[in-house]
């Protein structure tokens, strides 16, 4: 899992992010072109932040008294309502300013397109806050965005102790017996079982001598088992669920167990890759994410080559010292 460089998302702080960009970019553009209406933009932004902080600090009542719970819920609704009402007001003002700028033939079309993108984010967040807080709806996961700056960010729950979720994208790597990374794939809205055959085919095209491969259990599906056996001589793919007698015998065979022991070395490779850049991506956008991952893979492989050269040089020096000792 490679994290994107984002803060923990909530619908209200994502709205604040969007409003900050809408107000700052619109004010900067209008002031540069002599269009009025945004002279107090920083004051306006502080007003939105103040309402955001007020809504952020409010918590639902844990009292057993239904009257107190209802009263606190009403306070929360009022605070959130004031926050999204002010945000909506400035969104409309920004849209009106963009119309005015286009009418006057503003040459900064790219900047205006960026502002429109942030307006779209702001409108989505306003609508989701309204549905969640004021109307009591549960927002479906597939409607949520976890960063307005790194829109490719996914919410990944891996079930690890102390790490209930991570924000970023999964990356699948194929490593050889010498710990070199042969191939990688950035997985956007994909699961392990969906890419198992494809990443093996791509690796096989680059390295035709690949004959054996060990996979995690998450890569298994009946179709993958059949297709991978067509590509490889030996497929080490643990099955999910209760095993049949035949499958149980296969997975308890000495060859299978030995291959699984070797597979544990991939955890070490993942840790080493994280130390060479595959921990958190500091680049921007999906293209930047892919580039960052690729450079981290190259860095890891170069480090391995350097280690091999160092070990050879160390052995050469040790042999020379032994030779001098014998001569002495």
Protein backbone atom coordinates (compact mmCIF):
# COMPACT_ATOMS: atom_id res chain seq x y z
CA UNK A 1 0.00 0.00 0.00
CA UNK A 2 1.51 3.32 -1.09
CA UNK A 3 -0.03 6.26 0.71
CA UNK A 4 -0.90 9.50 -1.00
CA UNK A 5 0.20 12.71 0.70
CA UNK A 6 -3.23 13.68 2.07
CA UNK A 7 -4.78 14.50 5.44
CA UNK A 8 -7.49 12.36 7.02
CA UNK A 9 -10.70 13.21 5.11
CA UNK A 10 -14.07 14.24 6.49
CA UNK A 11 -16.83 15.80 4.44
CA UNK A 12 -16.50 19.13 6.26
CA UNK A 13 -12.72 19.45 5.95
CA UNK A 14 -12.89 18.50 2.27
CA UNK A 15 -15.43 21.29 1.82
CA UNK A 16 -13.04 23.69 3.57
CA UNK A 17 -10.22 22.61 1.21
CA UNK A 18 -12.45 23.27 -1.81
CA UNK A 19 -13.67 26.65 -0.51
CA UNK A 20 -10.14 27.79 0.28
CA UNK A 21 -9.07 27.14 -3.32
CA UNK A 22 -12.25 28.65 -4.79
CA UNK A 23 -11.93 31.88 -2.80
CA UNK A 24 -8.16 32.32 -3.10
CA UNK A 25 -7.94 31.54 -6.83
CA UNK A 26 -11.02 33.58 -7.76
CA UNK A 27 -9.89 36.58 -5.68
CA UNK A 28 -6.37 36.44 -7.12
CA UNK A 29 -7.68 36.30 -10.69
CA UNK A 30 -10.25 39.06 -10.20
CA UNK A 31 -7.79 41.39 -8.52
CA UNK A 32 -5.26 40.85 -11.32
CA UNK A 33 -7.85 41.74 -13.98
CA UNK A 34 -9.53 44.57 -12.09
CA UNK A 35 -12.82 42.78 -11.38
CA UNK A 36 -14.39 43.75 -8.05
CA UNK A 37 -16.17 41.76 -5.36
CA UNK A 38 -13.27 39.87 -3.78
CA UNK A 39 -11.29 42.54 -1.92
CA UNK A 40 -12.18 41.00 1.46
CA UNK A 41 -11.48 37.44 0.38
CA UNK A 42 -9.17 36.61 3.32
CA UNK A 43 -11.75 37.93 5.78
CA UNK A 44 -14.41 35.82 4.08
CA UNK A 45 -12.21 32.74 4.24
CA UNK A 46 -11.68 33.29 7.98
CA UNK A 47 -15.46 33.42 8.39
CA UNK A 48 -15.84 30.04 6.69
CA UNK A 49 -13.05 28.58 8.82
CA UNK A 50 -14.76 29.85 11.97
CA UNK A 51 -18.01 28.07 11.06
CA UNK A 52 -16.02 24.95 10.14
CA UNK A 53 -14.29 24.90 13.56
CA UNK A 54 -17.63 25.32 15.32
CA UNK A 55 -19.14 22.39 13.42
CA UNK A 56 -15.99 20.30 13.87
CA UNK A 57 -16.02 20.59 17.67
CA UNK A 58 -19.63 19.51 18.10
CA UNK A 59 -20.24 15.89 19.08
CA UNK A 60 -23.40 13.87 19.40
CA UNK A 61 -24.76 13.57 22.92
CA UNK A 62 -24.06 10.28 24.73
CA UNK A 63 -26.84 10.96 27.26
CA UNK A 64 -29.59 8.42 27.81
CA UNK A 65 -32.08 11.27 27.90
CA UNK A 66 -33.72 11.46 24.48
CA UNK A 67 -34.60 15.13 25.01
CA UNK A 68 -30.93 16.06 25.55
CA UNK A 69 -29.88 13.98 22.55
CA UNK A 70 -32.47 15.66 20.33
CA UNK A 71 -31.43 19.12 21.57
CA UNK A 72 -27.73 18.43 20.84
CA UNK A 73 -28.60 17.05 17.41
CA UNK A 74 -30.48 20.26 16.65
CA UNK A 75 -27.43 22.32 17.67
CA UNK A 76 -25.29 20.21 15.33
CA UNK A 77 -27.74 20.68 12.46
CA UNK A 78 -27.76 24.44 12.96
CA UNK A 79 -23.94 24.64 12.99
CA UNK A 80 -23.57 22.47 9.89
CA UNK A 81 -26.41 24.33 8.18
CA UNK A 82 -24.72 27.70 8.76
CA UNK A 83 -21.42 26.30 7.45
CA UNK A 84 -22.80 24.92 4.19
CA UNK A 85 -25.03 27.98 3.70
CA UNK A 86 -22.04 30.32 3.75
CA UNK A 87 -20.06 27.94 1.50
CA UNK A 88 -22.95 27.84 -0.97
CA UNK A 89 -23.10 31.64 -1.00
CA UNK A 90 -19.44 31.97 -1.97
CA UNK A 91 -19.72 29.20 -4.57
CA UNK A 92 -22.46 31.18 -6.29
CA UNK A 93 -20.40 34.37 -6.08
CA UNK A 94 -17.44 32.58 -7.65
CA UNK A 95 -19.60 31.23 -10.48
CA UNK A 96 -20.95 34.72 -11.14
CA UNK A 97 -17.40 36.11 -11.24
CA UNK A 98 -16.34 33.46 -13.74
CA UNK A 99 -19.26 34.36 -15.99
CA UNK A 100 -18.24 38.02 -15.76
CA UNK A 101 -14.59 37.19 -16.53
CA UNK A 102 -15.51 35.15 -19.61
CA UNK A 103 -17.75 37.93 -20.83
CA UNK A 104 -14.79 40.30 -20.63
CA UNK A 105 -12.59 37.88 -22.56
CA UNK A 106 -10.36 36.71 -19.70
CA UNK A 107 -7.28 34.95 -21.14
CA UNK A 108 -6.69 32.77 -18.04
CA UNK A 109 -8.88 29.88 -19.18
CA UNK A 110 -6.80 27.21 -17.43
CA UNK A 111 -7.10 28.97 -14.06
CA UNK A 112 -10.85 29.32 -14.54
CA UNK A 113 -11.11 25.62 -15.33
CA UNK A 114 -9.26 24.84 -12.08
CA UNK A 115 -11.69 27.08 -10.16
CA UNK A 116 -14.64 25.29 -11.78
CA UNK A 117 -13.15 21.97 -10.70
CA UNK A 118 -12.96 23.13 -7.09
CA UNK A 119 -16.50 24.50 -7.33
CA UNK A 120 -17.64 21.05 -8.43
CA UNK A 121 -15.92 19.53 -5.39
CA UNK A 122 -17.51 22.12 -3.11
CA UNK A 123 -21.01 21.48 -4.46
CA UNK A 124 -20.59 17.72 -4.00
CA UNK A 125 -19.45 18.14 -0.40
CA UNK A 126 -22.26 20.59 0.39
CA UNK A 127 -24.79 18.09 -0.94
CA UNK A 128 -23.26 15.17 0.98
CA UNK A 129 -23.14 17.13 4.26
CA UNK A 130 -26.76 18.13 3.76
CA UNK A 131 -27.78 14.53 3.13
CA UNK A 132 -25.74 13.08 6.01
CA UNK A 133 -26.38 15.64 8.77
CA UNK A 134 -29.64 17.36 7.90
CA UNK A 135 -31.45 14.46 6.26
CA UNK A 136 -29.88 11.56 8.18
CA UNK A 137 -28.74 9.58 5.12
CA UNK A 138 -25.75 7.24 4.94
CA UNK A 139 -23.53 8.27 2.03
CA UNK A 140 -22.60 5.25 -0.15
CA UNK A 141 -18.87 4.53 -0.22
CA UNK A 142 -18.63 4.82 -4.01
CA UNK A 143 -19.92 8.42 -3.88
CA UNK A 144 -17.18 9.58 -1.53
CA UNK A 145 -13.97 11.35 -2.51
CA UNK A 146 -11.09 11.17 -0.03
CA UNK A 147 -9.04 14.10 -1.32
CA UNK A 148 -9.88 16.99 -3.63
CA UNK A 149 -6.20 17.34 -4.58
CA UNK A 150 -5.34 13.64 -5.05
CA UNK A 151 -8.65 12.37 -6.40
CA UNK A 152 -7.26 8.89 -7.11
CA UNK A 153 -6.86 8.27 -3.37
CA UNK A 154 -8.70 5.18 -2.14
CA UNK A 155 -9.83 4.20 1.35
CA UNK A 156 -8.15 0.83 2.00
CA UNK A 157 -9.05 -1.27 5.03
CA UNK A 158 -6.41 -3.97 5.55
CA UNK A 159 -7.47 -5.15 9.01
CA UNK A 160 -4.08 -4.55 10.58
CA UNK A 161 -3.88 -3.96 14.33
CA UNK A 162 -3.59 -0.24 15.04
CA UNK A 163 -4.04 0.65 11.35
CA UNK A 164 -7.77 0.37 10.63
CA UNK A 165 -7.45 2.12 7.27
CA UNK A 166 -4.90 3.64 4.91
CA UNK A 167 -5.30 6.29 2.22
CA UNK A 168 -3.58 5.69 -1.10
CA UNK A 169 -3.40 2.99 -3.75
CA UNK A 170 -2.36 -0.65 -3.65
CA UNK A 171 0.74 -1.63 -5.63
CA UNK A 172 1.45 -5.21 -6.69
CA UNK A 173 5.08 -6.22 -7.20
CA UNK A 174 6.67 -9.32 -8.72
CA UNK A 175 10.02 -10.19 -7.14
CA UNK A 176 12.57 -12.79 -8.22
CA UNK A 177 14.63 -15.11 -6.00
CA UNK A 178 17.35 -12.47 -5.70
CA UNK A 179 14.93 -9.80 -4.39
CA UNK A 180 14.97 -7.77 -7.61
CA UNK A 181 11.57 -6.33 -8.55
CA UNK A 182 10.77 -7.61 -12.04
CA UNK A 183 7.44 -5.88 -12.55
CA UNK A 184 4.90 -3.76 -10.70
CA UNK A 185 1.34 -2.55 -11.16
CA UNK A 186 -0.49 0.35 -9.55
CA UNK A 187 -3.93 -1.02 -8.72
CA UNK A 188 -6.65 1.58 -9.17
CA UNK A 189 -10.06 0.21 -8.14
CA UNK A 190 -8.71 -3.32 -8.59
CA UNK A 191 -8.40 -6.36 -6.36
CA UNK A 192 -5.63 -8.97 -6.30
CA UNK A 193 -7.68 -11.67 -8.02
CA UNK A 194 -8.50 -9.30 -10.90
CA UNK A 195 -4.85 -8.70 -11.86
CA UNK A 196 -3.18 -12.05 -11.10
CA UNK A 197 -3.22 -13.39 -14.66
CA UNK A 198 -2.45 -10.07 -16.36
CA UNK A 199 0.55 -9.16 -14.22
CA UNK A 200 1.93 -12.69 -14.68
CA UNK A 201 1.51 -12.44 -18.46
CA UNK A 202 3.27 -9.07 -18.52
CA UNK A 203 6.14 -10.39 -16.40
CA UNK A 204 6.41 -13.50 -18.55
CA UNK A 205 6.70 -11.35 -21.68
CA UNK A 206 9.64 -9.48 -20.16
CA UNK A 207 11.23 -12.54 -18.57
CA UNK A 208 10.36 -15.66 -20.60
CA UNK A 209 12.45 -17.84 -18.25
CA UNK A 210 9.88 -17.31 -15.47
CA UNK A 211 8.49 -20.77 -14.69
CA UNK A 212 7.42 -20.73 -11.02
CA UNK A 213 5.53 -18.14 -9.02
CA UNK A 214 4.09 -17.97 -5.50
CA UNK A 215 1.04 -15.81 -4.75
CA UNK A 216 -0.88 -14.61 -1.72
CA UNK A 217 -4.22 -16.21 -0.99
CA UNK A 218 -6.03 -13.05 -2.15
CA UNK A 219 -4.97 -13.75 -5.76
CA UNK A 220 -6.91 -17.01 -5.89
CA UNK A 221 -9.98 -17.70 -7.94
CA UNK A 222 -10.90 -20.89 -9.84
CA UNK A 223 -10.36 -19.09 -13.15
CA UNK A 224 -6.97 -17.74 -12.06
CA UNK A 225 -5.88 -21.23 -11.01
CA UNK A 226 -6.61 -22.58 -14.49
CA UNK A 227 -5.15 -19.65 -16.43
CA UNK A 228 -1.96 -19.42 -14.38
CA UNK A 229 -1.27 -23.13 -14.82
CA UNK A 230 -1.24 -22.48 -18.58
CA UNK A 231 1.43 -19.80 -18.13
CA UNK A 232 3.69 -21.40 -15.50
CA UNK A 233 5.13 -24.82 -14.76
CA UNK A 234 4.56 -24.50 -11.03
CA UNK A 235 1.81 -22.30 -9.54
CA UNK A 236 1.87 -21.78 -5.77
CA UNK A 237 -1.57 -20.28 -5.21
CA UNK A 238 -3.23 -21.08 -1.86
CA UNK A 239 -6.97 -21.57 -2.14
CA UNK A 240 -9.58 -19.78 -0.08
CA UNK A 241 -12.06 -21.55 2.18
CA UNK A 242 -12.32 -25.23 3.00
CA UNK A 243 -10.02 -27.41 0.92
CA UNK A 244 -10.95 -30.59 -0.90
CA UNK A 245 -8.91 -33.73 -0.19
CA UNK A 246 -6.95 -33.27 -3.44
CA UNK A 247 -6.26 -29.56 -2.78
CA UNK A 248 -5.29 -30.29 0.82
CA UNK A 249 -2.79 -32.92 -0.30
CA UNK A 250 -1.31 -30.50 -2.83
CA UNK A 251 -0.94 -27.65 -0.32
CA UNK A 252 0.69 -29.97 2.23
CA UNK A 253 3.19 -31.37 -0.24
CA UNK A 254 6.90 -30.64 0.51
CA UNK A 255 7.30 -28.66 -2.72
CA UNK A 256 4.33 -26.41 -1.96
CA UNK A 257 5.40 -25.83 1.65
CA UNK A 258 8.97 -25.02 0.62
CA UNK A 259 7.73 -22.47 -1.92
CA UNK A 260 5.48 -20.87 0.70
CA UNK A 261 8.43 -20.53 3.07
CA UNK A 262 10.32 -18.67 0.35
CA UNK A 263 7.28 -16.47 -0.27
CA UNK A 264 7.61 -14.91 3.18
CA UNK A 265 10.71 -13.09 1.91
CA UNK A 266 8.40 -10.80 -0.06
CA UNK A 267 7.45 -9.07 3.21
CA UNK A 268 11.10 -8.11 3.58
CA UNK A 269 11.06 -6.83 0.00
CA UNK A 270 7.98 -4.73 0.70
CA UNK A 271 9.65 -3.18 3.74
CA UNK A 272 12.81 -2.46 1.72
CA UNK A 273 10.74 -0.92 -1.10
CA UNK A 274 8.99 1.32 1.43
CA UNK A 275 12.38 2.51 2.64
CA UNK A 276 13.22 3.51 -0.95
CA UNK A 277 10.12 5.60 -1.63
CA UNK A 278 7.18 3.18 -1.70
CA UNK A 279 5.81 4.37 1.64
CA UNK A 280 4.20 7.72 0.84
CA UNK A 281 4.00 9.35 -2.57
CA UNK A 282 4.93 13.04 -2.44
CA UNK A 283 4.18 13.67 -6.12
CA UNK A 284 0.84 15.01 -7.40
CA UNK A 285 -1.85 13.41 -9.54
CA UNK A 286 -2.22 9.85 -10.79
CA UNK A 287 0.50 10.34 -13.40
CA UNK A 288 2.85 11.60 -10.69
CA UNK A 289 1.90 8.66 -8.48
CA UNK A 290 2.78 6.16 -11.23
CA UNK A 291 6.06 7.95 -11.92
CA UNK A 292 6.94 8.04 -8.21
CA UNK A 293 6.28 4.30 -7.81
CA UNK A 294 8.34 3.50 -10.90
CA UNK A 295 11.30 5.55 -9.66
CA UNK A 296 11.07 3.89 -6.23
CA UNK A 297 11.23 0.45 -7.89
CA UNK A 298 14.29 1.55 -9.90
CA UNK A 299 15.90 2.92 -6.72
CA UNK A 300 15.36 -0.37 -4.91
CA UNK A 301 16.88 -2.39 -7.75
CA UNK A 302 19.88 -0.04 -8.02
CA UNK A 303 20.42 -0.37 -4.27
CA UNK A 304 20.47 -4.16 -4.65
CA UNK A 305 23.04 -3.91 -7.46
CA UNK A 306 25.15 -1.63 -5.28
CA UNK A 307 24.95 -4.13 -2.42
CA UNK A 308 26.12 -6.95 -4.69
CA UNK A 309 29.08 -4.84 -5.88
CA UNK A 310 29.97 -3.98 -2.29
CA UNK A 311 29.91 -7.63 -1.26
CA UNK A 312 32.14 -8.60 -4.18
CA UNK A 313 34.60 -5.83 -3.32
CA UNK A 314 34.55 -6.88 0.34
CA UNK A 315 35.35 -10.49 -0.59
CA UNK A 316 38.17 -9.31 -2.87
CA UNK A 317 39.68 -7.22 -0.04
CA UNK A 318 39.34 -10.12 2.41
CA UNK A 319 41.17 -12.45 0.01
CA UNK A 320 43.95 -9.88 -0.41
CA UNK A 321 44.32 -9.54 3.37
CA UNK A 322 44.51 -13.32 3.74
CA UNK A 323 47.18 -13.40 1.03
CA UNK A 324 49.26 -10.73 2.85
CA UNK A 325 48.95 -12.66 6.14
CA UNK A 326 50.22 -15.84 4.51
CA UNK A 327 53.09 -13.93 2.89
CA UNK A 328 54.02 -12.39 6.24
